[in-house]
Amino acid sequence: MGKRKVGMARQNRTIRLSESELQRLAEGAKVAGMSESEYVRHLILHGGVDADYIRDRQNIIRQITGIATNVNQAAKWANENKYIPQSRIDQMCMQLGVILGLLKELIQVWR
């Protein structure tokens, strides 16, 4: 059997909330993509939950998916035509460099 670490056991607590507080808890947890328990723990440990982080992450994932689709379309075109102009390659590399810079900035903001 594994040994339980001292101070690591979870304990249940009961809290009383009004209807409006309960609604705010449920809505906040849903927006943040967390269970209500995770949401409360995050509030206690970090003093707040930034729901914008979740929306930003979903948005960036959607944009990266779109970029990947465009790159795949360019690769398909190049394979079918056995040629892709150097100017198109240069343009894609430049755009990917800009995207990389934006992602690095975003990571710094999220830290």
PDB file of N, CA and C in Angstrom:
ATOM      1  N   MET A   1       0.826  -1.190   0.000  1.00  0.00           N
ATOM      2  CA  MET A   1       0.000   0.000   0.000  1.00  0.00           C
ATOM      3  C   MET A   1       0.871   1.255   0.000  1.00  0.00           C
ATOM      4  N   GLY A   2       0.405   2.293  -0.704  1.00  0.00           N
ATOM      5  CA  GLY A   2       1.150   3.535  -0.735  1.00  0.00           C
ATOM      6  C   GLY A   2       0.913   4.348   0.518  1.00  0.00           C
ATOM      7  N   LYS A   3       1.900   5.095   0.889  1.00  0.00           N
ATOM      8  CA  LYS A   3       1.778   5.951   2.074  1.00  0.00           C
ATOM      9  C   LYS A   3       1.176   7.288   1.671  1.00  0.00           C
ATOM     10  N   ARG A   4       0.307   7.793   2.505  1.00  0.00           N
ATOM     11  CA  ARG A   4      -0.315   9.080   2.263  1.00  0.00           C
ATOM     12  C   ARG A   4       0.610  10.171   2.783  1.00  0.00           C
ATOM     13  N   LYS A   5       0.832  11.200   1.979  1.00  0.00           N
ATOM     14  CA  LYS A   5       1.695  12.297   2.396  1.00  0.00           C
ATOM     15  C   LYS A   5       0.992  13.130   3.463  1.00  0.00           C
ATOM     16  N   VAL A   6       1.756  13.571   4.433  1.00  0.00           N
ATOM     17  CA  VAL A   6       1.222  14.393   5.517  1.00  0.00           C
ATOM     18  C   VAL A   6       0.726  15.715   4.950  1.00  0.00           C
ATOM     19  N   GLY A   7      -0.487  16.095   5.324  1.00  0.00           N
ATOM     20  CA  GLY A   7      -1.046  17.372   4.886  1.00  0.00           C
ATOM     21  C   GLY A   7      -1.606  17.359   3.476  1.00  0.00           C
ATOM     22  N   MET A   8      -1.596  16.216   2.798  1.00  0.00           N
ATOM     23  CA  MET A   8      -2.053  16.162   1.420  1.00  0.00           C
ATOM     24  C   MET A   8      -3.468  15.603   1.277  1.00  0.00           C
ATOM     25  N   ALA A   9      -4.062  15.078   2.361  1.00  0.00           N
ATOM     26  CA  ALA A   9      -5.392  14.494   2.280  1.00  0.00           C
ATOM     27  C   ALA A   9      -6.430  15.585   2.027  1.00  0.00           C
ATOM     28  N   ARG A  10      -7.382  15.294   1.167  1.00  0.00           N
ATOM     29  CA  ARG A  10      -8.466  16.239   0.894  1.00  0.00           C
ATOM     30  C   ARG A  10      -9.506  16.115   1.998  1.00  0.00           C
ATOM     31  N   GLN A  11     -10.092  17.211   2.340  1.00  0.00           N
ATOM     32  CA  GLN A  11     -11.155  17.221   3.337  1.00  0.00           C
ATOM     33  C   GLN A  11     -12.349  17.959   2.755  1.00  0.00           C
ATOM     34  N   ASN A  12     -13.527  17.482   3.037  1.00  0.00           N
ATOM     35  CA  ASN A  12     -14.750  18.119   2.560  1.00  0.00           C
ATOM     36  C   ASN A  12     -15.163  19.235   3.512  1.00  0.00           C
ATOM     37  N   ARG A  13     -15.701  20.276   2.953  1.00  0.00           N
ATOM     38  CA  ARG A  13     -16.233  21.394   3.726  1.00  0.00           C
ATOM     39  C   ARG A  13     -17.607  21.728   3.169  1.00  0.00           C
ATOM     40  N   THR A  14     -18.472  22.161   4.021  1.00  0.00           N
ATOM     41  CA  THR A  14     -19.795  22.609   3.603  1.00  0.00           C
ATOM     42  C   THR A  14     -19.826  24.124   3.731  1.00  0.00           C
ATOM     43  N   ILE A  15     -20.290  24.778   2.679  1.00  0.00           N
ATOM     44  CA  ILE A  15     -20.423  26.235   2.734  1.00  0.00           C
ATOM     45  C   ILE A  15     -21.860  26.585   2.372  1.00  0.00           C
ATOM     46  N   ARG A  16     -22.338  27.665   2.904  1.00  0.00           N
ATOM     47  CA  ARG A  16     -23.689  28.130   2.619  1.00  0.00           C
ATOM     48  C   ARG A  16     -23.602  29.284   1.632  1.00  0.00           C
ATOM     49  N   LEU A  17     -24.373  29.171   0.580  1.00  0.00           N
ATOM     50  CA  LEU A  17     -24.413  30.210  -0.441  1.00  0.00           C
ATOM     51  C   LEU A  17     -25.860  30.588  -0.712  1.00  0.00           C
ATOM     52  N   SER A  18     -26.067  31.855  -0.999  1.00  0.00           N
ATOM     53  CA  SER A  18     -27.401  32.297  -1.416  1.00  0.00           C
ATOM     54  C   SER A  18     -27.631  31.808  -2.846  1.00  0.00           C
ATOM     55  N   GLU A  19     -28.846  31.948  -3.322  1.00  0.00           N
ATOM     56  CA  GLU A  19     -29.158  31.532  -4.695  1.00  0.00           C
ATOM     57  C   GLU A  19     -28.287  32.299  -5.704  1.00  0.00           C
ATOM     58  N   SER A  20     -28.128  33.597  -5.482  1.00  0.00           N
ATOM     59  CA  SER A  20     -27.330  34.393  -6.424  1.00  0.00           C
ATOM     60  C   SER A  20     -25.850  34.008  -6.354  1.00  0.00           C
ATOM     61  N   GLU A  21     -25.353  33.720  -5.147  1.00  0.00           N
ATOM     62  CA  GLU A  21     -23.951  33.290  -5.011  1.00  0.00           C
ATOM     63  C   GLU A  21     -23.738  31.928  -5.665  1.00  0.00           C
ATOM     64  N   LEU A  22     -24.698  31.035  -5.484  1.00  0.00           N
ATOM     65  CA  LEU A  22     -24.618  29.710  -6.093  1.00  0.00           C
ATOM     66  C   LEU A  22     -24.630  29.819  -7.613  1.00  0.00           C
ATOM     67  N   GLN A  23     -25.454  30.716  -8.124  1.00  0.00           N
ATOM     68  CA  GLN A  23     -25.520  30.935  -9.563  1.00  0.00           C
ATOM     69  C   GLN A  23     -24.196  31.499 -10.084  1.00  0.00           C
ATOM     70  N   ARG A  24     -23.624  32.457  -9.360  1.00  0.00           N
ATOM     71  CA  ARG A  24     -22.328  33.027  -9.770  1.00  0.00           C
ATOM     72  C   ARG A  24     -21.235  31.969  -9.748  1.00  0.00           C
ATOM     73  N   LEU A  25     -21.261  31.081  -8.751  1.00  0.00           N
ATOM     74  CA  LEU A  25     -20.289  29.993  -8.676  1.00  0.00           C
ATOM     75  C   LEU A  25     -20.422  29.083  -9.888  1.00  0.00           C
ATOM     76  N   ALA A  26     -21.636  28.668 -10.187  1.00  0.00           N
ATOM     77  CA  ALA A  26     -21.869  27.760 -11.316  1.00  0.00           C
ATOM     78  C   ALA A  26     -21.459  28.411 -12.634  1.00  0.00           C
ATOM     79  N   GLU A  27     -21.835  29.671 -12.831  1.00  0.00           N
ATOM     80  CA  GLU A  27     -21.494  30.377 -14.069  1.00  0.00           C
ATOM     81  C   GLU A  27     -19.983  30.586 -14.193  1.00  0.00           C
ATOM     82  N   GLY A  28     -19.352  30.997 -13.094  1.00  0.00           N
ATOM     83  CA  GLY A  28     -17.902  31.232 -13.121  1.00  0.00           C
ATOM     84  C   GLY A  28     -17.136  29.961 -13.429  1.00  0.00           C
ATOM     85  N   ALA A  29     -17.537  28.862 -12.819  1.00  0.00           N
ATOM     86  CA  ALA A  29     -16.861  27.584 -13.059  1.00  0.00           C
ATOM     87  C   ALA A  29     -17.047  27.144 -14.505  1.00  0.00           C
ATOM     88  N   LYS A  30     -18.255  27.328 -15.037  1.00  0.00           N
ATOM     89  CA  LYS A  30     -18.532  26.924 -16.425  1.00  0.00           C
ATOM     90  C   LYS A  30     -17.690  27.738 -17.409  1.00  0.00           C
ATOM     91  N   VAL A  31     -17.671  29.053 -17.217  1.00  0.00           N
ATOM     92  CA  VAL A  31     -16.896  29.929 -18.110  1.00  0.00           C
ATOM     93  C   VAL A  31     -15.411  29.577 -18.067  1.00  0.00           C
ATOM     94  N   ALA A  32     -14.918  29.256 -16.865  1.00  0.00           N
ATOM     95  CA  ALA A  32     -13.496  28.931 -16.699  1.00  0.00           C
ATOM     96  C   ALA A  32     -13.176  27.504 -17.123  1.00  0.00           C
ATOM     97  N   GLY A  33     -14.208  26.707 -17.419  1.00  0.00           N
ATOM     98  CA  GLY A  33     -13.973  25.327 -17.828  1.00  0.00           C
ATOM     99  C   GLY A  33     -13.499  24.451 -16.680  1.00  0.00           C
ATOM    100  N   MET A  34     -13.983  24.746 -15.484  1.00  0.00           N
ATOM    101  CA  MET A  34     -13.563  24.016 -14.286  1.00  0.00           C
ATOM    102  C   MET A  34     -14.795  23.458 -13.578  1.00  0.00           C
ATOM    103  N   SER A  35     -14.568  22.461 -12.732  1.00  0.00           N
ATOM    104  CA  SER A  35     -15.632  22.036 -11.830  1.00  0.00           C
ATOM    105  C   SER A  35     -15.788  23.124 -10.766  1.00  0.00           C
ATOM    106  N   GLU A  36     -16.895  23.087 -10.059  1.00  0.00           N
ATOM    107  CA  GLU A  36     -17.091  24.090  -9.010  1.00  0.00           C
ATOM    108  C   GLU A  36     -16.018  23.965  -7.930  1.00  0.00           C
ATOM    109  N   SER A  37     -15.619  22.723  -7.605  1.00  0.00           N
ATOM    110  CA  SER A  37     -14.564  22.523  -6.599  1.00  0.00           C
ATOM    111  C   SER A  37     -13.237  23.099  -7.070  1.00  0.00           C
ATOM    112  N   GLU A  38     -12.882  22.828  -8.333  1.00  0.00           N
ATOM    113  CA  GLU A  38     -11.627  23.367  -8.876  1.00  0.00           C
ATOM    114  C   GLU A  38     -11.661  24.890  -8.862  1.00  0.00           C
ATOM    115  N   TYR A  39     -12.808  25.438  -9.230  1.00  0.00           N
ATOM    116  CA  TYR A  39     -12.979  26.885  -9.288  1.00  0.00           C
ATOM    117  C   TYR A  39     -12.763  27.519  -7.910  1.00  0.00           C
ATOM    118  N   VAL A  40     -13.376  26.953  -6.883  1.00  0.00           N
ATOM    119  CA  VAL A  40     -13.229  27.480  -5.524  1.00  0.00           C
ATOM    120  C   VAL A  40     -11.778  27.358  -5.067  1.00  0.00           C
ATOM    121  N   ARG A  41     -11.146  26.205  -5.329  1.00  0.00           N
ATOM    122  CA  ARG A  41      -9.738  26.042  -4.932  1.00  0.00           C
ATOM    123  C   ARG A  41      -8.857  27.069  -5.633  1.00  0.00           C
ATOM    124  N   HIS A  42      -9.115  27.311  -6.910  1.00  0.00           N
ATOM    125  CA  HIS A  42      -8.323  28.291  -7.662  1.00  0.00           C
ATOM    126  C   HIS A  42      -8.515  29.688  -7.079  1.00  0.00           C
ATOM    127  N   LEU A  43      -9.750  30.023  -6.729  1.00  0.00           N
ATOM    128  CA  LEU A  43     -10.014  31.328  -6.108  1.00  0.00           C
ATOM    129  C   LEU A  43      -9.246  31.478  -4.806  1.00  0.00           C
ATOM    130  N   ILE A  44      -9.231  30.408  -3.998  1.00  0.00           N
ATOM    131  CA  ILE A  44      -8.541  30.454  -2.703  1.00  0.00           C
ATOM    132  C   ILE A  44      -7.036  30.609  -2.903  1.00  0.00           C
ATOM    133  N   LEU A  45      -6.473  29.839  -3.810  1.00  0.00           N
ATOM    134  CA  LEU A  45      -5.021  29.819  -3.983  1.00  0.00           C
ATOM    135  C   LEU A  45      -4.480  31.014  -4.766  1.00  0.00           C
ATOM    136  N   HIS A  46      -5.263  31.521  -5.713  1.00  0.00           N
ATOM    137  CA  HIS A  46      -4.746  32.549  -6.617  1.00  0.00           C
ATOM    138  C   HIS A  46      -5.491  33.875  -6.535  1.00  0.00           C
ATOM    139  N   GLY A  47      -6.495  33.936  -5.706  1.00  0.00           N
ATOM    140  CA  GLY A  47      -7.208  35.192  -5.536  1.00  0.00           C
ATOM    141  C   GLY A  47      -8.122  35.565  -6.678  1.00  0.00           C
ATOM    142  N   GLY A  48      -8.315  34.704  -7.618  1.00  0.00           N
ATOM    143  CA  GLY A  48      -9.216  34.985  -8.728  1.00  0.00           C
ATOM    144  C   GLY A  48      -9.033  33.976  -9.833  1.00  0.00           C
ATOM    145  N   VAL A  49      -9.990  33.956 -10.732  1.00  0.00           N
ATOM    146  CA  VAL A  49      -9.929  33.072 -11.889  1.00  0.00           C
ATOM    147  C   VAL A  49     -10.078  33.942 -13.119  1.00  0.00           C
ATOM    148  N   ASP A  50      -9.134  33.854 -14.027  1.00  0.00           N
ATOM    149  CA  ASP A  50      -9.150  34.647 -15.247  1.00  0.00           C
ATOM    150  C   ASP A  50      -9.809  33.837 -16.360  1.00  0.00           C
ATOM    151  N   ALA A  51     -11.101  34.064 -16.580  1.00  0.00           N
ATOM    152  CA  ALA A  51     -11.831  33.334 -17.617  1.00  0.00           C
ATOM    153  C   ALA A  51     -11.361  33.759 -19.014  1.00  0.00           C
ATOM    154  N   ASP A  52     -10.779  34.959 -19.138  1.00  0.00           N
ATOM    155  CA  ASP A  52     -10.265  35.395 -20.439  1.00  0.00           C
ATOM    156  C   ASP A  52      -9.179  34.466 -20.938  1.00  0.00           C
ATOM    157  N   TYR A  53      -8.415  33.886 -20.017  1.00  0.00           N
ATOM    158  CA  TYR A  53      -7.356  32.948 -20.385  1.00  0.00           C
ATOM    159  C   TYR A  53      -7.930  31.791 -21.202  1.00  0.00           C
ATOM    160  N   ILE A  54      -9.062  31.249 -20.766  1.00  0.00           N
ATOM    161  CA  ILE A  54      -9.689  30.124 -21.458  1.00  0.00           C
ATOM    162  C   ILE A  54     -10.142  30.564 -22.843  1.00  0.00           C
ATOM    163  N   ARG A  55     -10.790  31.716 -22.930  1.00  0.00           N
ATOM    164  CA  ARG A  55     -11.254  32.210 -24.236  1.00  0.00           C
ATOM    165  C   ARG A  55     -10.071  32.514 -25.144  1.00  0.00           C
ATOM    166  N   ASP A  56      -9.011  33.117 -24.601  1.00  0.00           N
ATOM    167  CA  ASP A  56      -7.817  33.401 -25.408  1.00  0.00           C
ATOM    168  C   ASP A  56      -7.223  32.114 -25.958  1.00  0.00           C
ATOM    169  N   ARG A  57      -7.137  31.107 -25.098  1.00  0.00           N
ATOM    170  CA  ARG A  57      -6.557  29.835 -25.519  1.00  0.00           C
ATOM    171  C   ARG A  57      -7.410  29.178 -26.600  1.00  0.00           C
ATOM    172  N   GLN A  58      -8.723  29.191 -26.452  1.00  0.00           N
ATOM    173  CA  GLN A  58      -9.607  28.622 -27.463  1.00  0.00           C
ATOM    174  C   GLN A  58      -9.468  29.375 -28.779  1.00  0.00           C
ATOM    175  N   ASN A  59      -9.352  30.694 -28.697  1.00  0.00           N
ATOM    176  CA  ASN A  59      -9.209  31.512 -29.891  1.00  0.00           C
ATOM    177  C   ASN A  59      -7.896  31.216 -30.615  1.00  0.00           C
ATOM    178  N   ILE A  60      -6.816  31.115 -29.863  1.00  0.00           N
ATOM    179  CA  ILE A  60      -5.514  30.854 -30.491  1.00  0.00           C
ATOM    180  C   ILE A  60      -5.480  29.460 -31.107  1.00  0.00           C
ATOM    181  N   ILE A  61      -6.108  28.489 -30.462  1.00  0.00           N
ATOM    182  CA  ILE A  61      -6.174  27.142 -31.023  1.00  0.00           C
ATOM    183  C   ILE A  61      -6.953  27.154 -32.335  1.00  0.00           C
ATOM    184  N   ARG A  62      -8.060  27.890 -32.370  1.00  0.00           N
ATOM    185  CA  ARG A  62      -8.850  27.990 -33.600  1.00  0.00           C
ATOM    186  C   ARG A  62      -8.024  28.636 -34.718  1.00  0.00           C
ATOM    187  N   GLN A  63      -7.268  29.670 -34.376  1.00  0.00           N
ATOM    188  CA  GLN A  63      -6.447  30.341 -35.393  1.00  0.00           C
ATOM    189  C   GLN A  63      -5.329  29.435 -35.886  1.00  0.00           C
ATOM    190  N   ILE A  64      -4.694  28.695 -34.989  1.00  0.00           N
ATOM    191  CA  ILE A  64      -3.625  27.785 -35.396  1.00  0.00           C
ATOM    192  C   ILE A  64      -4.187  26.686 -36.288  1.00  0.00           C
ATOM    193  N   THR A  65      -5.395  26.217 -35.976  1.00  0.00           N
ATOM    194  CA  THR A  65      -6.043  25.209 -36.816  1.00  0.00           C
ATOM    195  C   THR A  65      -6.254  25.753 -38.224  1.00  0.00           C
ATOM    196  N   GLY A  66      -6.692  27.004 -38.322  1.00  0.00           N
ATOM    197  CA  GLY A  66      -6.873  27.628 -39.632  1.00  0.00           C
ATOM    198  C   GLY A  66      -5.565  27.752 -40.399  1.00  0.00           C
ATOM    199  N   ILE A  67      -4.506  28.112 -39.688  1.00  0.00           N
ATOM    200  CA  ILE A  67      -3.186  28.222 -40.329  1.00  0.00           C
ATOM    201  C   ILE A  67      -2.730  26.863 -40.830  1.00  0.00           C
ATOM    202  N   ALA A  68      -2.915  25.836 -40.006  1.00  0.00           N
ATOM    203  CA  ALA A  68      -2.517  24.485 -40.406  1.00  0.00           C
ATOM    204  C   ALA A  68      -3.279  24.045 -41.652  1.00  0.00           C
ATOM    205  N   THR A  69      -4.554  24.404 -41.731  1.00  0.00           N
ATOM    206  CA  THR A  69      -5.350  24.075 -42.915  1.00  0.00           C
ATOM    207  C   THR A  69      -4.775  24.758 -44.149  1.00  0.00           C
ATOM    208  N   ASN A  70      -4.413  26.027 -44.013  1.00  0.00           N
ATOM    209  CA  ASN A  70      -3.827  26.756 -45.142  1.00  0.00           C
ATOM    210  C   ASN A  70      -2.501  26.148 -45.580  1.00  0.00           C
ATOM    211  N   VAL A  71      -1.661  25.761 -44.626  1.00  0.00           N
ATOM    212  CA  VAL A  71      -0.375  25.139 -44.966  1.00  0.00           C
ATOM    213  C   VAL A  71      -0.613  23.817 -45.683  1.00  0.00           C
ATOM    214  N   ASN A  72      -1.590  23.029 -45.219  1.00  0.00           N
ATOM    215  CA  ASN A  72      -1.900  21.761 -45.882  1.00  0.00           C
ATOM    216  C   ASN A  72      -2.412  21.982 -47.301  1.00  0.00           C
ATOM    217  N   GLN A  73      -3.221  23.021 -47.499  1.00  0.00           N
ATOM    218  CA  GLN A  73      -3.706  23.332 -48.844  1.00  0.00           C
ATOM    219  C   GLN A  73      -2.557  23.726 -49.760  1.00  0.00           C
ATOM    220  N   ALA A  74      -1.616  24.512 -49.236  1.00  0.00           N
ATOM    221  CA  ALA A  74      -0.447  24.909 -50.039  1.00  0.00           C
ATOM    222  C   ALA A  74       0.400  23.688 -50.388  1.00  0.00           C
ATOM    223  N   ALA A  75       0.568  22.778 -49.418  1.00  0.00           N
ATOM    224  CA  ALA A  75       1.349  21.565 -49.673  1.00  0.00           C
ATOM    225  C   ALA A  75       0.666  20.699 -50.723  1.00  0.00           C
ATOM    226  N   LYS A  76      -0.652  20.578 -50.645  1.00  0.00           N
ATOM    227  CA  LYS A  76      -1.393  19.794 -51.643  1.00  0.00           C
ATOM    228  C   LYS A  76      -1.222  20.404 -53.033  1.00  0.00           C
ATOM    229  N   TRP A  77      -1.356  21.746 -53.102  1.00  0.00           N
ATOM    230  CA  TRP A  77      -1.201  22.422 -54.387  1.00  0.00           C
ATOM    231  C   TRP A  77       0.201  22.197 -54.952  1.00  0.00           C
ATOM    232  N   ALA A  78       1.201  22.311 -54.085  1.00  0.00           N
ATOM    233  CA  ALA A  78       2.584  22.114 -54.523  1.00  0.00           C
ATOM    234  C   ALA A  78       2.803  20.687 -54.998  1.00  0.00           C
ATOM    235  N   ASN A  79       2.235  19.711 -54.312  1.00  0.00           N
ATOM    236  CA  ASN A  79       2.384  18.318 -54.726  1.00  0.00           C
ATOM    237  C   ASN A  79       1.686  18.040 -56.052  1.00  0.00           C
ATOM    238  N   GLU A  80       0.516  18.634 -56.245  1.00  0.00           N
ATOM    239  CA  GLU A  80      -0.216  18.428 -57.498  1.00  0.00           C
ATOM    240  C   GLU A  80       0.480  19.107 -58.672  1.00  0.00           C
ATOM    241  N   ASN A  81       1.037  20.279 -58.446  1.00  0.00           N
ATOM    242  CA  ASN A  81       1.646  21.055 -59.520  1.00  0.00           C
ATOM    243  C   ASN A  81       3.154  20.865 -59.611  1.00  0.00           C
ATOM    244  N   LYS A  82       3.728  20.175 -58.634  1.00  0.00           N
ATOM    245  CA  LYS A  82       5.174  19.915 -58.581  1.00  0.00           C
ATOM    246  C   LYS A  82       5.991  21.199 -58.574  1.00  0.00           C
ATOM    247  N   TYR A  83       5.351  22.283 -58.112  1.00  0.00           N
ATOM    248  CA  TYR A  83       6.054  23.561 -58.087  1.00  0.00           C
ATOM    249  C   TYR A  83       5.318  24.502 -57.148  1.00  0.00           C
ATOM    250  N   ILE A  84       6.072  25.294 -56.420  1.00  0.00           N
ATOM    251  CA  ILE A  84       5.509  26.395 -55.640  1.00  0.00           C
ATOM    252  C   ILE A  84       6.499  27.554 -55.745  1.00  0.00           C
ATOM    253  N   PRO A  85       6.016  28.726 -56.100  1.00  0.00           N
ATOM    254  CA  PRO A  85       6.928  29.858 -56.286  1.00  0.00           C
ATOM    255  C   PRO A  85       7.666  30.208 -54.987  1.00  0.00           C
ATOM    256  N   GLN A  86       8.901  30.584 -55.124  1.00  0.00           N
ATOM    257  CA  GLN A  86       9.710  30.959 -53.959  1.00  0.00           C
ATOM    258  C   GLN A  86       9.083  32.111 -53.197  1.00  0.00           C
ATOM    259  N   SER A  87       8.423  33.016 -53.920  1.00  0.00           N
ATOM    260  CA  SER A  87       7.780  34.160 -53.261  1.00  0.00           C
ATOM    261  C   SER A  87       6.677  33.691 -52.304  1.00  0.00           C
ATOM    262  N   ARG A  88       5.957  32.627 -52.668  1.00  0.00           N
ATOM    263  CA  ARG A  88       4.914  32.079 -51.780  1.00  0.00           C
ATOM    264  C   ARG A  88       5.545  31.449 -50.539  1.00  0.00           C
ATOM    265  N   ILE A  89       6.648  30.750 -50.739  1.00  0.00           N
ATOM    266  CA  ILE A  89       7.356  30.134 -49.613  1.00  0.00           C
ATOM    267  C   ILE A  89       7.853  31.216 -48.664  1.00  0.00           C
ATOM    268  N   ASP A  90       8.466  32.268 -49.227  1.00  0.00           N
ATOM    269  CA  ASP A  90       8.959  33.376 -48.414  1.00  0.00           C
ATOM    270  C   ASP A  90       7.831  34.052 -47.647  1.00  0.00           C
ATOM    271  N   GLN A  91       6.692  34.249 -48.316  1.00  0.00           N
ATOM    272  CA  GLN A  91       5.545  34.891 -47.685  1.00  0.00           C
ATOM    273  C   GLN A  91       5.033  34.039 -46.520  1.00  0.00           C
ATOM    274  N   MET A  92       4.924  32.726 -46.714  1.00  0.00           N
ATOM    275  CA  MET A  92       4.458  31.838 -45.645  1.00  0.00           C
ATOM    276  C   MET A  92       5.434  31.830 -44.479  1.00  0.00           C
ATOM    277  N   CYS A  93       6.733  31.809 -44.769  1.00  0.00           N
ATOM    278  CA  CYS A  93       7.733  31.827 -43.701  1.00  0.00           C
ATOM    279  C   CYS A  93       7.650  33.115 -42.887  1.00  0.00           C
ATOM    280  N   MET A  94       7.453  34.239 -43.572  1.00  0.00           N
ATOM    281  CA  MET A  94       7.337  35.514 -42.885  1.00  0.00           C
ATOM    282  C   MET A  94       6.097  35.518 -41.982  1.00  0.00           C
ATOM    283  N   GLN A  95       4.969  35.054 -42.497  1.00  0.00           N
ATOM    284  CA  GLN A  95       3.747  35.020 -41.714  1.00  0.00           C
ATOM    285  C   GLN A  95       3.871  34.077 -40.518  1.00  0.00           C
ATOM    286  N   LEU A  96       4.512  32.943 -40.707  1.00  0.00           N
ATOM    287  CA  LEU A  96       4.723  32.013 -39.599  1.00  0.00           C
ATOM    288  C   LEU A  96       5.645  32.627 -38.538  1.00  0.00           C
ATOM    289  N   GLY A  97       6.626  33.420 -38.966  1.00  0.00           N
ATOM    290  CA  GLY A  97       7.498  34.110 -38.017  1.00  0.00           C
ATOM    291  C   GLY A  97       6.732  35.122 -37.174  1.00  0.00           C
ATOM    292  N   VAL A  98       5.810  35.843 -37.808  1.00  0.00           N
ATOM    293  CA  VAL A  98       4.969  36.803 -37.086  1.00  0.00           C
ATOM    294  C   VAL A  98       4.101  36.063 -36.074  1.00  0.00           C
ATOM    295  N   ILE A  99       3.533  34.958 -36.500  1.00  0.00           N
ATOM    296  CA  ILE A  99       2.683  34.164 -35.606  1.00  0.00           C
ATOM    297  C   ILE A  99       3.494  33.645 -34.424  1.00  0.00           C
ATOM    298  N   LEU A 100       4.688  33.177 -34.684  1.00  0.00           N
ATOM    299  CA  LEU A 100       5.552  32.685 -33.609  1.00  0.00           C
ATOM    300  C   LEU A 100       5.831  33.789 -32.595  1.00  0.00           C
ATOM    301  N   GLY A 101       6.114  34.991 -33.085  1.00  0.00           N
ATOM    302  CA  GLY A 101       6.348  36.122 -32.180  1.00  0.00           C
ATOM    303  C   GLY A 101       5.130  36.432 -31.331  1.00  0.00           C
ATOM    304  N   LEU A 102       3.945  36.394 -31.930  1.00  0.00           N
ATOM    305  CA  LEU A 102       2.712  36.646 -31.178  1.00  0.00           C
ATOM    306  C   LEU A 102       2.465  35.566 -30.134  1.00  0.00           C
ATOM    307  N   LEU A 103       2.746  34.315 -30.487  1.00  0.00           N
ATOM    308  CA  LEU A 103       2.583  33.223 -29.527  1.00  0.00           C
ATOM    309  C   LEU A 103       3.536  33.385 -28.346  1.00  0.00           C
ATOM    310  N   LYS A 104       4.757  33.809 -28.603  1.00  0.00           N
ATOM    311  CA  LYS A 104       5.715  34.036 -27.515  1.00  0.00           C
ATOM    312  C   LYS A 104       5.224  35.144 -26.587  1.00  0.00           C
ATOM    313  N   GLU A 105       4.665  36.221 -27.166  1.00  0.00           N
ATOM    314  CA  GLU A 105       4.116  37.305 -26.349  1.00  0.00           C
ATOM    315  C   GLU A 105       2.951  36.793 -25.502  1.00  0.00           C
ATOM    316  N   LEU A 106       2.100  35.986 -26.111  1.00  0.00           N
ATOM    317  CA  LEU A 106       0.941  35.450 -25.408  1.00  0.00           C
ATOM    318  C   LEU A 106       1.357  34.563 -24.245  1.00  0.00           C
ATOM    319  N   ILE A 107       2.369  33.762 -24.443  1.00  0.00           N
ATOM    320  CA  ILE A 107       2.861  32.893 -23.377  1.00  0.00           C
ATOM    321  C   ILE A 107       3.363  33.730 -22.205  1.00  0.00           C
ATOM    322  N   GLN A 108       4.037  34.856 -22.499  1.00  0.00           N
ATOM    323  CA  GLN A 108       4.522  35.726 -21.425  1.00  0.00           C
ATOM    324  C   GLN A 108       3.355  36.333 -20.641  1.00  0.00           C
ATOM    325  N   VAL A 109       2.281  36.693 -21.345  1.00  0.00           N
ATOM    326  CA  VAL A 109       1.115  37.263 -20.680  1.00  0.00           C
ATOM    327  C   VAL A 109       0.456  36.209 -19.798  1.00  0.00           C
ATOM    328  N   TRP A 110       0.388  34.969 -20.254  1.00  0.00           N
ATOM    329  CA  TRP A 110      -0.277  33.892 -19.520  1.00  0.00           C
ATOM    330  C   TRP A 110       0.508  33.468 -18.287  1.00  0.00           C
ATOM    331  N   ARG A 111       1.784  33.753 -18.234  1.00  0.00           N
ATOM    332  CA  ARG A 111       2.582  33.358 -17.065  1.00  0.00           C
ATOM    333  C   ARG A 111       2.253  34.231 -15.952  1.00  0.00           C
TER     334      ARG A 111
END
